C-alpha cells in the first residue's frame, strides 16, 4: 500500500545519502516503481556510481533504463558517452532523454574537464 511505498522511498533516499556503491544495483532495480527517488539517490552518490549505473542502460524495464539515462545526465563523465550515444539511436522512448543527457555530459566535460 501507500505506507510500503513511503518506506521504500525513504530507504532509497537513505541509501543515496550513505553513498555505498554496493547499493547502486539494488537501488536501480527499484526504478520500475520509484524512478524519481532512484534518480535523486544516484545523483547524491555522484560520479562514483556511474560504472554501475551504465549496466542499467540495457535493462528490460523501460523505467529503469530511463532512470539510468537521467542519472547519467547528472553524474556521467566521458566514460558514459559511448553507451549514451548508442541509446540515443534506439527506437524507444529513452532516445530523446539520452540525447539530452549526452548534451549535458559534454557541457560538463567542456567546463570541468571531466
Protein backbone atom coordinates (compact mmCIF):
# COMPACT_ATOMS: atom_id res chain seq x y z
CA UNK A 1 0.00 0.00 0.00
CA UNK A 2 0.90 3.66 0.34
CA UNK A 3 2.85 3.11 3.57
CA UNK A 4 5.03 0.49 1.84
CA UNK A 5 5.68 2.99 -0.95
CA UNK A 6 6.72 5.62 1.59
CA UNK A 7 9.05 3.21 3.38
CA UNK A 8 10.68 2.24 0.08
CA UNK A 9 11.08 5.92 -0.89
CA UNK A 10 12.77 6.70 2.44
CA UNK A 11 15.04 3.66 2.17
CA UNK A 12 16.14 4.66 -1.34
CA UNK A 13 16.88 8.23 -0.20
CA UNK A 14 18.87 6.97 2.80
CA UNK A 15 20.94 4.63 0.65
CA UNK A 16 21.77 7.54 -1.66
CA UNK A 17 22.99 9.61 1.28
CA UNK A 18 25.26 6.80 2.54
CA UNK A 19 26.96 6.69 -0.88
CA UNK A 20 27.59 2.95 -0.54
CA UNK A 21 28.27 1.82 -4.10
CA UNK A 22 27.08 -1.71 -3.28
CA UNK A 23 23.58 -0.19 -3.11
CA UNK A 24 23.59 1.14 -6.69
CA UNK A 25 22.34 -2.10 -8.27
CA UNK A 26 19.54 -2.72 -5.77
CA UNK A 27 18.54 0.95 -5.99
CA UNK A 28 18.40 0.82 -9.81
CA UNK A 29 16.16 -2.25 -9.66
CA UNK A 30 13.62 -0.13 -7.71
CA UNK A 31 13.29 2.35 -10.58
CA UNK A 32 10.36 0.39 -12.01
CA UNK A 33 8.15 1.99 -9.32
CA UNK A 34 10.35 4.61 -7.64
CA UNK A 35 12.09 6.32 -10.59
CA UNK A 36 12.23 9.81 -9.09
CA UNK A 37 13.67 8.64 -5.77
CA UNK A 38 16.18 6.39 -7.51
CA UNK A 39 17.32 9.27 -9.72
CA UNK A 40 17.77 11.51 -6.67
CA UNK A 41 19.70 8.80 -4.78
CA UNK A 42 22.02 8.19 -7.71
CA UNK A 43 22.57 11.91 -8.14
CA UNK A 44 23.61 12.22 -4.49
CA UNK A 45 26.05 9.31 -4.95
CA UNK A 46 27.74 11.23 -7.75
CA UNK A 47 30.15 10.05 -10.46
CA UNK A 48 31.35 7.13 -8.33
CA UNK A 49 28.05 5.38 -9.15
CA UNK A 50 28.46 5.82 -12.91
CA UNK A 51 30.04 2.45 -13.76
CA UNK A 52 27.25 0.53 -12.04
CA UNK A 53 24.51 2.77 -13.49
CA UNK A 54 25.82 2.10 -17.02
CA UNK A 55 24.79 -1.55 -16.63
CA UNK A 56 21.15 -0.47 -16.41
CA UNK A 57 21.05 1.24 -19.81
CA UNK A 58 20.08 -2.15 -21.30
CA UNK A 59 17.67 -3.25 -18.56
CA UNK A 60 14.46 -4.93 -19.74
CA UNK A 61 12.26 -2.35 -17.94
CA UNK A 62 11.92 0.99 -19.71
CA UNK A 63 11.55 2.94 -16.43
CA UNK A 64 14.85 1.51 -15.21
CA UNK A 65 16.57 2.46 -18.48
CA UNK A 66 15.08 5.96 -18.35
CA UNK A 67 16.18 6.46 -14.74
CA UNK A 68 19.72 5.34 -15.62
CA UNK A 69 19.84 7.84 -18.50
CA UNK A 70 18.53 10.67 -16.31
CA UNK A 71 21.05 9.84 -13.59
CA UNK A 72 23.90 9.80 -16.09
CA UNK A 73 22.84 13.25 -17.29
CA UNK A 74 23.65 14.43 -13.75
CA UNK A 75 26.62 12.24 -12.77
CA UNK A 76 28.06 10.98 -16.05
CA UNK A 77 31.63 11.53 -17.19
CA UNK A 78 33.37 10.87 -20.51
CA UNK A 79 33.14 7.16 -19.66
CA UNK A 80 29.37 7.09 -20.32
CA UNK A 81 29.42 8.91 -23.66
CA UNK A 82 29.78 5.85 -25.96
CA UNK A 83 26.89 4.00 -24.29
CA UNK A 84 24.67 7.09 -24.16
CA UNK A 85 25.43 7.56 -27.85
CA UNK A 86 24.11 4.03 -28.55
CA UNK A 87 20.95 4.69 -26.51
CA UNK A 88 20.38 7.96 -28.37
CA UNK A 89 20.00 5.98 -31.61
CA UNK A 90 17.49 3.45 -30.25
CA UNK A 91 13.86 3.44 -31.23
CA UNK A 92 12.44 3.53 -27.72
CA UNK A 93 11.31 6.41 -25.54
CA UNK A 94 14.70 6.80 -23.85
CA UNK A 95 16.17 8.11 -27.10
CA UNK A 96 15.35 11.79 -26.54
CA UNK A 97 16.45 11.66 -22.90
CA UNK A 98 19.74 10.09 -23.98
CA UNK A 99 20.31 12.90 -26.49
CA UNK A 100 19.74 15.48 -23.73
CA UNK A 101 21.98 13.52 -21.36
CA UNK A 102 24.77 13.49 -23.97
CA UNK A 103 24.50 17.24 -24.29
CA UNK A 104 24.60 17.76 -20.51
CA UNK A 105 27.60 15.46 -20.01
CA UNK A 106 29.51 17.06 -22.89
CA UNK A 107 28.84 20.55 -21.50
CA UNK A 108 30.05 19.45 -18.06
CA UNK A 109 33.20 17.94 -19.59
CA UNK A 110 33.97 21.11 -21.54
CA UNK A 111 33.54 23.19 -18.35
CA UNK A 112 35.28 20.91 -15.86
CA UNK A 113 37.50 18.75 -18.00
CA UNK A 114 36.00 15.52 -16.55
